[in-house]
N, C-alpha and C. Protein backbone atom coordinates (compact mmCIF):
# COMPACT_ATOMS: atom_id res chain seq x y z
N MET A 1 -149.56 160.64 -71.18
CA MET A 1 -148.47 161.12 -70.35
C MET A 1 -147.18 161.10 -71.16
N SER A 2 -146.43 162.15 -71.04
CA SER A 2 -145.17 162.23 -71.77
C SER A 2 -144.01 162.36 -70.80
N THR A 3 -142.88 161.85 -71.22
CA THR A 3 -141.65 161.99 -70.42
C THR A 3 -140.81 163.07 -71.07
N ASP A 4 -140.41 164.05 -70.29
CA ASP A 4 -139.55 165.10 -70.82
C ASP A 4 -138.16 164.54 -71.05
N LYS A 5 -137.60 164.88 -72.18
CA LYS A 5 -136.32 164.33 -72.62
C LYS A 5 -135.22 164.56 -71.59
N GLY A 6 -134.52 163.49 -71.28
CA GLY A 6 -133.38 163.57 -70.40
C GLY A 6 -133.69 163.54 -68.90
N HIS A 7 -134.94 163.43 -68.53
CA HIS A 7 -135.31 163.42 -67.11
C HIS A 7 -136.05 162.14 -66.78
N ARG A 8 -135.86 161.70 -65.54
CA ARG A 8 -136.64 160.55 -65.08
C ARG A 8 -138.11 160.94 -64.98
N PRO A 9 -139.00 160.01 -65.16
CA PRO A 9 -140.42 160.32 -65.00
C PRO A 9 -140.75 160.75 -63.57
N LEU A 10 -141.66 161.69 -63.45
CA LEU A 10 -142.04 162.18 -62.12
C LEU A 10 -142.62 161.09 -61.24
N TYR A 11 -143.34 160.15 -61.82
CA TYR A 11 -143.90 159.09 -60.99
C TYR A 11 -142.82 158.22 -60.35
N ILE A 12 -141.69 158.04 -61.03
CA ILE A 12 -140.56 157.29 -60.46
C ILE A 12 -139.93 158.11 -59.33
N ILE A 13 -139.75 159.40 -59.58
CA ILE A 13 -139.18 160.28 -58.56
C ILE A 13 -140.07 160.30 -57.32
N ALA A 14 -141.39 160.38 -57.54
CA ALA A 14 -142.33 160.40 -56.42
C ALA A 14 -142.23 159.10 -55.60
N ASN A 15 -142.07 157.98 -56.28
CA ASN A 15 -141.91 156.71 -55.57
C ASN A 15 -140.62 156.70 -54.76
N ASP A 16 -139.56 157.27 -55.31
CA ASP A 16 -138.30 157.36 -54.57
C ASP A 16 -138.45 158.26 -53.34
N ILE A 17 -139.22 159.34 -53.49
CA ILE A 17 -139.47 160.23 -52.35
C ILE A 17 -140.17 159.45 -51.24
N ARG A 18 -141.23 158.71 -51.60
CA ARG A 18 -141.99 157.95 -50.59
C ARG A 18 -141.14 156.89 -49.92
N LYS A 19 -140.21 156.30 -50.65
CA LYS A 19 -139.32 155.28 -50.06
C LYS A 19 -138.39 155.90 -49.03
N ASP A 20 -137.88 157.10 -49.32
CA ASP A 20 -136.90 157.72 -48.44
C ASP A 20 -137.53 158.53 -47.32
N TRP A 21 -138.64 159.21 -47.60
CA TRP A 21 -139.27 160.12 -46.63
C TRP A 21 -140.44 159.37 -46.00
N GLU A 22 -140.16 158.66 -44.92
CA GLU A 22 -141.15 157.77 -44.33
C GLU A 22 -142.39 158.48 -43.80
N ARG A 23 -142.20 159.65 -43.21
CA ARG A 23 -143.32 160.42 -42.67
C ARG A 23 -143.27 161.83 -43.21
N PRO A 24 -143.70 162.01 -44.46
CA PRO A 24 -143.60 163.32 -45.09
C PRO A 24 -144.48 164.36 -44.41
N TYR A 25 -144.05 165.59 -44.50
CA TYR A 25 -144.82 166.73 -44.02
C TYR A 25 -146.17 166.72 -44.71
N PHE A 26 -147.24 166.94 -43.94
CA PHE A 26 -148.59 166.81 -44.48
C PHE A 26 -148.83 167.72 -45.68
N GLY A 27 -148.17 168.87 -45.73
CA GLY A 27 -148.34 169.79 -46.85
C GLY A 27 -147.73 169.28 -48.14
N ALA A 28 -146.78 168.36 -48.04
CA ALA A 28 -146.12 167.81 -49.23
C ALA A 28 -146.85 166.61 -49.80
N VAL A 29 -147.64 165.93 -48.97
CA VAL A 29 -148.27 164.67 -49.38
C VAL A 29 -149.12 164.80 -50.65
N PRO A 30 -150.02 165.81 -50.76
CA PRO A 30 -150.83 165.87 -52.00
C PRO A 30 -150.00 166.06 -53.26
N TYR A 31 -148.86 166.72 -53.13
CA TYR A 31 -148.01 166.96 -54.30
C TYR A 31 -147.21 165.71 -54.66
N ILE A 32 -146.82 164.94 -53.66
CA ILE A 32 -146.17 163.65 -53.94
C ILE A 32 -147.16 162.74 -54.67
N GLU A 33 -148.38 162.69 -54.16
CA GLU A 33 -149.40 161.84 -54.77
C GLU A 33 -149.71 162.31 -56.20
N ALA A 34 -149.76 163.61 -56.43
CA ALA A 34 -150.01 164.13 -57.78
C ALA A 34 -148.85 163.78 -58.71
N MET A 35 -147.62 163.87 -58.21
CA MET A 35 -146.47 163.53 -59.05
C MET A 35 -146.49 162.05 -59.43
N ARG A 36 -147.11 161.21 -58.61
CA ARG A 36 -147.20 159.78 -58.91
C ARG A 36 -148.13 159.52 -60.11
N GLN A 37 -148.86 160.52 -60.54
CA GLN A 37 -149.84 160.36 -61.63
C GLN A 37 -149.36 160.95 -62.96
N VAL A 38 -148.17 161.54 -62.98
CA VAL A 38 -147.68 162.18 -64.22
C VAL A 38 -146.27 161.69 -64.55
N SER A 39 -145.91 161.86 -65.80
CA SER A 39 -144.58 161.45 -66.25
C SER A 39 -143.62 162.63 -66.33
N GLY A 40 -144.03 163.67 -67.06
CA GLY A 40 -143.12 164.77 -67.33
C GLY A 40 -143.59 166.09 -66.77
N ILE A 41 -142.69 167.02 -66.73
CA ILE A 41 -142.92 168.34 -66.17
C ILE A 41 -143.95 169.13 -67.00
N SER A 42 -144.16 168.73 -68.24
CA SER A 42 -145.12 169.43 -69.10
C SER A 42 -146.51 168.79 -69.06
N ASP A 43 -146.67 167.72 -68.28
CA ASP A 43 -147.98 167.07 -68.15
C ASP A 43 -148.90 167.89 -67.26
N THR A 44 -150.16 167.48 -67.25
CA THR A 44 -151.12 168.09 -66.33
C THR A 44 -151.77 167.00 -65.49
N TYR A 45 -152.21 167.41 -64.31
CA TYR A 45 -152.94 166.53 -63.41
C TYR A 45 -154.15 167.31 -62.93
N GLY A 46 -155.30 166.92 -63.43
CA GLY A 46 -156.49 167.72 -63.16
C GLY A 46 -156.34 169.08 -63.80
N MET A 47 -156.49 170.11 -63.00
CA MET A 47 -156.36 171.48 -63.50
C MET A 47 -154.95 172.04 -63.29
N ASP A 48 -154.04 171.24 -62.74
CA ASP A 48 -152.70 171.72 -62.40
C ASP A 48 -151.65 171.22 -63.38
N ASP A 49 -150.72 172.10 -63.69
CA ASP A 49 -149.56 171.72 -64.48
C ASP A 49 -148.56 171.02 -63.57
N ALA A 50 -147.88 170.00 -64.10
CA ALA A 50 -146.87 169.29 -63.31
C ALA A 50 -145.78 170.24 -62.83
N ASP A 51 -145.47 171.24 -63.63
CA ASP A 51 -144.50 172.26 -63.24
C ASP A 51 -144.87 172.89 -61.90
N MET A 52 -146.13 173.27 -61.74
CA MET A 52 -146.58 173.89 -60.49
C MET A 52 -146.65 172.87 -59.35
N ILE A 53 -147.01 171.65 -59.65
CA ILE A 53 -147.03 170.60 -58.63
C ILE A 53 -145.63 170.41 -58.05
N VAL A 54 -144.63 170.37 -58.92
CA VAL A 54 -143.24 170.22 -58.46
C VAL A 54 -142.83 171.43 -57.62
N ARG A 55 -143.18 172.62 -58.08
CA ARG A 55 -142.84 173.84 -57.31
C ARG A 55 -143.49 173.83 -55.93
N TYR A 56 -144.76 173.44 -55.87
CA TYR A 56 -145.45 173.37 -54.57
C TYR A 56 -144.85 172.28 -53.69
N PHE A 57 -144.47 171.16 -54.29
CA PHE A 57 -143.81 170.11 -53.52
C PHE A 57 -142.53 170.66 -52.90
N LEU A 58 -141.69 171.29 -53.72
CA LEU A 58 -140.42 171.82 -53.22
C LEU A 58 -140.64 172.83 -52.10
N GLY A 59 -141.70 173.62 -52.21
CA GLY A 59 -142.02 174.59 -51.17
C GLY A 59 -142.46 173.95 -49.86
N ASN A 60 -142.91 172.70 -49.93
CA ASN A 60 -143.39 172.00 -48.74
C ASN A 60 -142.44 170.89 -48.29
N ALA A 61 -141.27 170.82 -48.88
CA ALA A 61 -140.33 169.73 -48.58
C ALA A 61 -139.13 170.19 -47.76
N ASN A 62 -139.25 171.31 -47.07
CA ASN A 62 -138.11 171.83 -46.31
C ASN A 62 -137.66 170.91 -45.18
N THR A 63 -138.57 170.11 -44.64
CA THR A 63 -138.19 169.24 -43.52
C THR A 63 -137.59 167.92 -43.98
N TRP A 64 -137.65 167.64 -45.28
CA TRP A 64 -137.05 166.42 -45.82
C TRP A 64 -135.57 166.68 -46.03
N ARG A 65 -134.74 165.91 -45.34
CA ARG A 65 -133.30 166.15 -45.36
C ARG A 65 -132.54 164.86 -45.65
N GLY A 66 -131.27 165.02 -45.92
CA GLY A 66 -130.39 163.88 -46.17
C GLY A 66 -129.92 163.85 -47.61
N PRO A 67 -129.03 162.90 -47.92
CA PRO A 67 -128.45 162.86 -49.26
C PRO A 67 -129.46 162.57 -50.36
N VAL A 68 -130.41 161.69 -50.11
CA VAL A 68 -131.43 161.39 -51.13
C VAL A 68 -132.30 162.62 -51.36
N ALA A 69 -132.68 163.28 -50.27
CA ALA A 69 -133.50 164.50 -50.38
C ALA A 69 -132.77 165.56 -51.19
N ARG A 70 -131.51 165.78 -50.89
CA ARG A 70 -130.73 166.79 -51.64
C ARG A 70 -130.66 166.44 -53.11
N ALA A 71 -130.39 165.17 -53.41
CA ALA A 71 -130.26 164.75 -54.81
C ALA A 71 -131.58 164.91 -55.57
N ILE A 72 -132.68 164.50 -54.96
CA ILE A 72 -133.97 164.59 -55.65
C ILE A 72 -134.43 166.03 -55.78
N LYS A 73 -134.21 166.84 -54.77
CA LYS A 73 -134.59 168.26 -54.87
C LYS A 73 -133.79 168.93 -55.99
N THR A 74 -132.51 168.60 -56.09
CA THR A 74 -131.68 169.15 -57.16
C THR A 74 -132.18 168.68 -58.53
N GLU A 75 -132.55 167.41 -58.61
CA GLU A 75 -133.08 166.86 -59.86
C GLU A 75 -134.38 167.57 -60.25
N LEU A 76 -135.28 167.76 -59.30
CA LEU A 76 -136.54 168.44 -59.60
C LEU A 76 -136.31 169.90 -60.00
N LYS A 77 -135.43 170.58 -59.30
CA LYS A 77 -135.13 171.97 -59.66
C LYS A 77 -134.56 172.04 -61.07
N GLY A 78 -133.75 171.07 -61.44
CA GLY A 78 -133.18 171.02 -62.78
C GLY A 78 -134.24 170.84 -63.85
N MET A 79 -135.33 170.18 -63.51
CA MET A 79 -136.42 169.99 -64.45
C MET A 79 -137.20 171.28 -64.68
N LEU A 80 -137.15 172.18 -63.71
CA LEU A 80 -137.90 173.43 -63.79
C LEU A 80 -137.22 174.48 -64.65
N THR A 81 -135.94 174.35 -64.87
CA THR A 81 -135.22 175.37 -65.62
C THR A 81 -135.22 175.10 -67.10
């Protein structure tokens, strides 16, 4: 597992998501769990690239709101660019 330069590891971000989002939308859960298994956006988990896992998570995280949600979503989007 590699950490992409300048970004927090995805497994740390995933743990922060679980701490803040007590009852996540069921569609987001598999992507949170997958992010807990990788470090960087260029890693893979099974047959999936971490990049796509993050994109699918963001697509399923619309109901997660608040300041922590906004900050983490912005952080994840920044990793994609």
